[in-house]
């Protein structure tokens, strides 16, 4: 019974995380992962125009 309860709790937590990740992606326009999220935050702080594609070779963006 304990394992069943833990699995239910884990499933609920994953559903919550997925919902949060969707909200983060809607705000940033990028995947809700550390790298792309960090790029988005840096771009907002330092006025950087990010490349359209997150996998653009050579640079993540340019200063405006």
PDB file of N, CA and C in Angstrom:
ATOM      1  N   UNK A   1       0.821  -1.204   0.000  1.00  0.00           N
ATOM      2  CA  UNK A   1       0.000   0.000   0.000  1.00  0.00           C
ATOM      3  C   UNK A   1       0.862   1.263   0.000  1.00  0.00           C
ATOM      4  N   UNK A   2       1.979   1.234   0.733  1.00  0.00           N
ATOM      5  CA  UNK A   2       2.845   2.407   0.827  1.00  0.00           C
ATOM      6  C   UNK A   2       3.381   2.809  -0.551  1.00  0.00           C
ATOM      7  N   UNK A   3       3.821   1.821  -1.336  1.00  0.00           N
ATOM      8  CA  UNK A   3       4.363   2.110  -2.658  1.00  0.00           C
ATOM      9  C   UNK A   3       3.280   2.708  -3.551  1.00  0.00           C
ATOM     10  N   UNK A   4       2.068   2.194  -3.463  1.00  0.00           N
ATOM     11  CA  UNK A   4       0.960   2.725  -4.258  1.00  0.00           C
ATOM     12  C   UNK A   4       0.726   4.200  -3.917  1.00  0.00           C
ATOM     13  N   UNK A   5       0.719   4.537  -2.644  1.00  0.00           N
ATOM     14  CA  UNK A   5       0.522   5.930  -2.223  1.00  0.00           C
ATOM     15  C   UNK A   5       1.654   6.821  -2.705  1.00  0.00           C
ATOM     16  N   UNK A   6       2.882   6.310  -2.633  1.00  0.00           N
ATOM     17  CA  UNK A   6       4.018   7.092  -3.105  1.00  0.00           C
ATOM     18  C   UNK A   6       3.943   7.318  -4.602  1.00  0.00           C
ATOM     19  N   UNK A   7       3.516   6.318  -5.349  1.00  0.00           N
ATOM     20  CA  UNK A   7       3.366   6.484  -6.794  1.00  0.00           C
ATOM     21  C   UNK A   7       2.276   7.490  -7.133  1.00  0.00           C
ATOM     22  N   UNK A   8       1.186   7.479  -6.403  1.00  0.00           N
ATOM     23  CA  UNK A   8       0.126   8.471  -6.622  1.00  0.00           C
ATOM     24  C   UNK A   8       0.643   9.875  -6.330  1.00  0.00           C
ATOM     25  N   UNK A   9       1.377  10.029  -5.243  1.00  0.00           N
ATOM     26  CA  UNK A   9       1.954  11.327  -4.905  1.00  0.00           C
ATOM     27  C   UNK A   9       2.928  11.768  -5.980  1.00  0.00           C
ATOM     28  N   UNK A  10       3.782  10.862  -6.433  1.00  0.00           N
ATOM     29  CA  UNK A  10       4.726  11.179  -7.484  1.00  0.00           C
ATOM     30  C   UNK A  10       4.014  11.606  -8.760  1.00  0.00           C
ATOM     31  N   UNK A  11       2.961  10.904  -9.135  1.00  0.00           N
ATOM     32  CA  UNK A  11       2.189  11.256 -10.324  1.00  0.00           C
ATOM     33  C   UNK A  11       1.582  12.650 -10.193  1.00  0.00           C
ATOM     34  N   UNK A  12       1.053  12.969  -9.029  1.00  0.00           N
ATOM     35  CA  UNK A  12       0.484  14.304  -8.808  1.00  0.00           C
ATOM     36  C   UNK A  12       1.557  15.388  -8.907  1.00  0.00           C
ATOM     37  N   UNK A  13       2.724  15.131  -8.351  1.00  0.00           N
ATOM     38  CA  UNK A  13       3.811  16.111  -8.414  1.00  0.00           C
ATOM     39  C   UNK A  13       4.276  16.322  -9.847  1.00  0.00           C
ATOM     40  N   UNK A  14       4.358  15.248 -10.629  1.00  0.00           N
ATOM     41  CA  UNK A  14       4.749  15.376 -12.033  1.00  0.00           C
ATOM     42  C   UNK A  14       3.715  16.176 -12.810  1.00  0.00           C
ATOM     43  N   UNK A  15       2.438  15.966 -12.546  1.00  0.00           N
ATOM     44  CA  UNK A  15       1.387  16.757 -13.201  1.00  0.00           C
ATOM     45  C   UNK A  15       1.543  18.242 -12.872  1.00  0.00           C
ATOM     46  N   UNK A  16       1.838  18.541 -11.605  1.00  0.00           N
ATOM     47  CA  UNK A  16       2.043  19.938 -11.203  1.00  0.00           C
ATOM     48  C   UNK A  16       3.261  20.535 -11.900  1.00  0.00           C
ATOM     49  N   UNK A  17       4.353  19.764 -11.938  1.00  0.00           N
ATOM     50  CA  UNK A  17       5.565  20.251 -12.600  1.00  0.00           C
ATOM     51  C   UNK A  17       5.313  20.501 -14.083  1.00  0.00           C
ATOM     52  N   UNK A  18       4.584  19.595 -14.733  1.00  0.00           N
ATOM     53  CA  UNK A  18       4.280  19.782 -16.151  1.00  0.00           C
ATOM     54  C   UNK A  18       3.460  21.044 -16.376  1.00  0.00           C
ATOM     55  N   UNK A  19       2.508  21.313 -15.509  1.00  0.00           N
ATOM     56  CA  UNK A  19       1.701  22.530 -15.627  1.00  0.00           C
ATOM     57  C   UNK A  19       2.571  23.771 -15.446  1.00  0.00           C
ATOM     58  N   UNK A  20       3.468  23.742 -14.483  1.00  0.00           N
ATOM     59  CA  UNK A  20       4.372  24.870 -14.255  1.00  0.00           C
ATOM     60  C   UNK A  20       5.289  25.050 -15.462  1.00  0.00           C
ATOM     61  N   UNK A  21       5.840  23.947 -15.991  1.00  0.00           N
ATOM     62  CA  UNK A  21       6.705  24.035 -17.171  1.00  0.00           C
ATOM     63  C   UNK A  21       5.969  24.637 -18.363  1.00  0.00           C
ATOM     64  N   UNK A  22       4.697  24.267 -18.543  1.00  0.00           N
ATOM     65  CA  UNK A  22       3.905  24.867 -19.639  1.00  0.00           C
ATOM     66  C   UNK A  22       3.772  26.368 -19.450  1.00  0.00           C
ATOM     67  N   UNK A  23       3.508  26.811 -18.220  1.00  0.00           N
ATOM     68  CA  UNK A  23       3.382  28.245 -17.945  1.00  0.00           C
ATOM     69  C   UNK A  23       4.697  28.968 -18.204  1.00  0.00           C
ATOM     70  N   UNK A  24       5.805  28.372 -17.778  1.00  0.00           N
ATOM     71  CA  UNK A  24       7.120  28.979 -18.008  1.00  0.00           C
ATOM     72  C   UNK A  24       7.393  29.089 -19.501  1.00  0.00           C
ATOM     73  N   UNK A  25       7.080  28.054 -20.264  1.00  0.00           N
ATOM     74  CA  UNK A  25       7.297  28.076 -21.711  1.00  0.00           C
ATOM     75  C   UNK A  25       6.443  29.134 -22.400  1.00  0.00           C
ATOM     76  N   UNK A  26       5.236  29.326 -21.913  1.00  0.00           N
ATOM     77  CA  UNK A  26       4.380  30.362 -22.494  1.00  0.00           C
ATOM     78  C   UNK A  26       4.982  31.745 -22.274  1.00  0.00           C
ATOM     79  N   UNK A  27       5.566  31.967 -21.106  1.00  0.00           N
ATOM     80  CA  UNK A  27       6.170  33.267 -20.801  1.00  0.00           C
ATOM     81  C   UNK A  27       7.437  33.479 -21.622  1.00  0.00           C
ATOM     82  N   UNK A  28       8.306  32.477 -21.646  1.00  0.00           N
ATOM     83  CA  UNK A  28       9.617  32.644 -22.269  1.00  0.00           C
ATOM     84  C   UNK A  28       9.626  32.343 -23.763  1.00  0.00           C
ATOM     85  N   UNK A  29       8.666  31.557 -24.231  1.00  0.00           N
ATOM     86  CA  UNK A  29       8.674  31.163 -25.634  1.00  0.00           C
ATOM     87  C   UNK A  29       9.733  30.123 -25.936  1.00  0.00           C
ATOM     88  N   UNK A  30      10.291  29.533 -24.906  1.00  0.00           N
ATOM     89  CA  UNK A  30      11.353  28.537 -25.042  1.00  0.00           C
ATOM     90  C   UNK A  30      11.062  27.377 -24.112  1.00  0.00           C
ATOM     91  N   UNK A  31      11.797  26.277 -24.276  1.00  0.00           N
ATOM     92  CA  UNK A  31      11.587  25.145 -23.365  1.00  0.00           C
ATOM     93  C   UNK A  31      11.872  25.536 -21.912  1.00  0.00           C
ATOM     94  N   UNK A  32      11.165  24.932 -20.991  1.00  0.00           N
ATOM     95  CA  UNK A  32      11.327  25.230 -19.563  1.00  0.00           C
ATOM     96  C   UNK A  32      12.464  24.396 -18.990  1.00  0.00           C
ATOM     97  N   UNK A  33      13.652  24.601 -19.531  1.00  0.00           N
ATOM     98  CA  UNK A  33      14.850  23.922 -19.066  1.00  0.00           C
ATOM     99  C   UNK A  33      15.842  24.983 -18.625  1.00  0.00           C
ATOM    100  N   UNK A  34      16.832  24.575 -17.842  1.00  0.00           N
ATOM    101  CA  UNK A  34      17.768  25.549 -17.266  1.00  0.00           C
ATOM    102  C   UNK A  34      18.441  26.428 -18.301  1.00  0.00           C
ATOM    103  N   UNK A  35      18.986  25.834 -19.359  1.00  0.00           N
ATOM    104  CA  UNK A  35      19.706  26.610 -20.369  1.00  0.00           C
ATOM    105  C   UNK A  35      18.831  27.651 -21.050  1.00  0.00           C
ATOM    106  N   UNK A  36      17.756  27.220 -21.702  1.00  0.00           N
ATOM    107  CA  UNK A  36      16.892  28.188 -22.375  1.00  0.00           C
ATOM    108  C   UNK A  36      16.263  29.204 -21.418  1.00  0.00           C
ATOM    109  N   UNK A  37      15.943  28.782 -20.215  1.00  0.00           N
ATOM    110  CA  UNK A  37      15.362  29.715 -19.251  1.00  0.00           C
ATOM    111  C   UNK A  37      16.393  30.757 -18.828  1.00  0.00           C
ATOM    112  N   UNK A  38      17.630  30.313 -18.608  1.00  0.00           N
ATOM    113  CA  UNK A  38      18.708  31.249 -18.272  1.00  0.00           C
ATOM    114  C   UNK A  38      18.954  32.237 -19.395  1.00  0.00           C
ATOM    115  N   UNK A  39      18.912  31.763 -20.641  1.00  0.00           N
ATOM    116  CA  UNK A  39      19.081  32.654 -21.792  1.00  0.00           C
ATOM    117  C   UNK A  39      17.978  33.701 -21.827  1.00  0.00           C
ATOM    118  N   UNK A  40      16.749  33.269 -21.572  1.00  0.00           N
ATOM    119  CA  UNK A  40      15.627  34.202 -21.581  1.00  0.00           C
ATOM    120  C   UNK A  40      15.800  35.273 -20.511  1.00  0.00           C
ATOM    121  N   UNK A  41      16.171  34.858 -19.305  1.00  0.00           N
ATOM    122  CA  UNK A  41      16.349  35.810 -18.206  1.00  0.00           C
ATOM    123  C   UNK A  41      17.470  36.785 -18.531  1.00  0.00           C
ATOM    124  N   UNK A  42      18.606  36.274 -19.020  1.00  0.00           N
ATOM    125  CA  UNK A  42      19.724  37.147 -19.384  1.00  0.00           C
ATOM    126  C   UNK A  42      19.322  38.119 -20.486  1.00  0.00           C
ATOM    127  N   UNK A  43      18.553  37.632 -21.460  1.00  0.00           N
ATOM    128  CA  UNK A  43      18.111  38.494 -22.553  1.00  0.00           C
ATOM    129  C   UNK A  43      17.242  39.630 -22.046  1.00  0.00           C
ATOM    130  N   UNK A  44      16.379  39.336 -21.095  1.00  0.00           N
ATOM    131  CA  UNK A  44      15.522  40.379 -20.533  1.00  0.00           C
ATOM    132  C   UNK A  44      16.337  41.400 -19.736  1.00  0.00           C
ATOM    133  N   UNK A  45      17.306  40.935 -18.975  1.00  0.00           N
ATOM    134  CA  UNK A  45      18.113  41.828 -18.133  1.00  0.00           C
ATOM    135  C   UNK A  45      19.053  42.684 -18.973  1.00  0.00           C
ATOM    136  N   UNK A  46      19.716  42.061 -19.968  1.00  0.00           N
ATOM    137  CA  UNK A  46      20.767  42.753 -20.728  1.00  0.00           C
ATOM    138  C   UNK A  46      20.327  43.206 -22.109  1.00  0.00           C
ATOM    139  N   UNK A  47      19.031  43.168 -22.383  1.00  0.00           N
ATOM    140  CA  UNK A  47      18.470  43.613 -23.657  1.00  0.00           C
ATOM    141  C   UNK A  47      19.126  42.909 -24.844  1.00  0.00           C
ATOM    142  N   UNK A  48      19.065  41.587 -24.810  1.00  0.00           N
ATOM    143  CA  UNK A  48      19.612  40.747 -25.877  1.00  0.00           C
ATOM    144  C   UNK A  48      18.457  40.218 -26.711  1.00  0.00           C
ATOM    145  N   UNK A  49      18.621  40.280 -28.024  1.00  0.00           N
ATOM    146  CA  UNK A  49      17.632  39.678 -28.916  1.00  0.00           C
ATOM    147  C   UNK A  49      18.075  38.247 -29.189  1.00  0.00           C
ATOM    148  N   UNK A  50      17.337  37.292 -28.658  1.00  0.00           N
ATOM    149  CA  UNK A  50      17.693  35.890 -28.827  1.00  0.00           C
ATOM    150  C   UNK A  50      17.439  35.443 -30.256  1.00  0.00           C
ATOM    151  N   UNK A  51      18.238  34.482 -30.702  1.00  0.00           N
ATOM    152  CA  UNK A  51      18.012  33.890 -32.013  1.00  0.00           C
ATOM    153  C   UNK A  51      16.632  33.238 -32.019  1.00  0.00           C
ATOM    154  N   UNK A  52      16.019  33.194 -33.157  1.00  0.00           N
ATOM    155  CA  UNK A  52      14.688  32.592 -33.285  1.00  0.00           C
ATOM    156  C   UNK A  52      14.706  31.126 -32.873  1.00  0.00           C
ATOM    157  N   UNK A  53      15.709  30.400 -33.348  1.00  0.00           N
ATOM    158  CA  UNK A  53      15.842  28.976 -33.019  1.00  0.00           C
ATOM    159  C   UNK A  53      16.778  28.822 -31.825  1.00  0.00           C
ATOM    160  N   UNK A  54      16.361  28.047 -30.847  1.00  0.00           N
ATOM    161  CA  UNK A  54      17.177  27.842 -29.651  1.00  0.00           C
ATOM    162  C   UNK A  54      18.444  27.053 -29.953  1.00  0.00           C
ATOM    163  N   UNK A  55      18.508  26.377 -31.086  1.00  0.00           N
ATOM    164  CA  UNK A  55      19.688  25.588 -31.432  1.00  0.00           C
ATOM    165  C   UNK A  55      20.552  26.271 -32.489  1.00  0.00           C
ATOM    166  N   UNK A  56      20.449  27.580 -32.626  1.00  0.00           N
ATOM    167  CA  UNK A  56      21.235  28.339 -33.592  1.00  0.00           C
ATOM    168  C   UNK A  56      22.712  28.197 -33.260  1.00  0.00           C
ATOM    169  N   UNK A  57      23.523  27.877 -34.248  1.00  0.00           N
ATOM    170  CA  UNK A  57      24.957  27.668 -34.023  1.00  0.00           C
ATOM    171  C   UNK A  57      25.691  28.991 -33.934  1.00  0.00           C
ATOM    172  N   UNK A  58      26.585  29.081 -32.963  1.00  0.00           N
ATOM    173  CA  UNK A  58      27.494  30.223 -32.909  1.00  0.00           C
ATOM    174  C   UNK A  58      27.102  31.312 -31.917  1.00  0.00           C
ATOM    175  N   UNK A  59      25.811  31.468 -31.644  1.00  0.00           N
ATOM    176  CA  UNK A  59      25.408  32.489 -30.681  1.00  0.00           C
ATOM    177  C   UNK A  59      23.983  32.247 -30.229  1.00  0.00           C
ATOM    178  N   UNK A  60      23.695  32.719 -29.041  1.00  0.00           N
ATOM    179  CA  UNK A  60      22.323  32.633 -28.537  1.00  0.00           C
ATOM    180  C   UNK A  60      21.520  33.865 -28.894  1.00  0.00           C
ATOM    181  N   UNK A  61      22.228  34.962 -29.205  1.00  0.00           N
ATOM    182  CA  UNK A  61      21.552  36.194 -29.536  1.00  0.00           C
ATOM    183  C   UNK A  61      22.527  37.344 -29.676  1.00  0.00           C
ATOM    184  N   UNK A  62      21.997  38.541 -29.889  1.00  0.00           N
ATOM    185  CA  UNK A  62      22.839  39.732 -30.052  1.00  0.00           C
ATOM    186  C   UNK A  62      22.275  40.860 -29.187  1.00  0.00           C
ATOM    187  N   UNK A  63      23.194  41.722 -28.721  1.00  0.00           N
ATOM    188  CA  UNK A  63      22.753  42.902 -27.968  1.00  0.00           C
ATOM    189  C   UNK A  63      21.994  43.821 -28.892  1.00  0.00           C
ATOM    190  N   UNK A  64      20.924  44.406 -28.375  1.00  0.00           N
ATOM    191  CA  UNK A  64      20.132  45.341 -29.199  1.00  0.00           C
ATOM    192  C   UNK A  64      20.782  46.693 -29.239  1.00  0.00           C
TER     193      UNK A  64
END
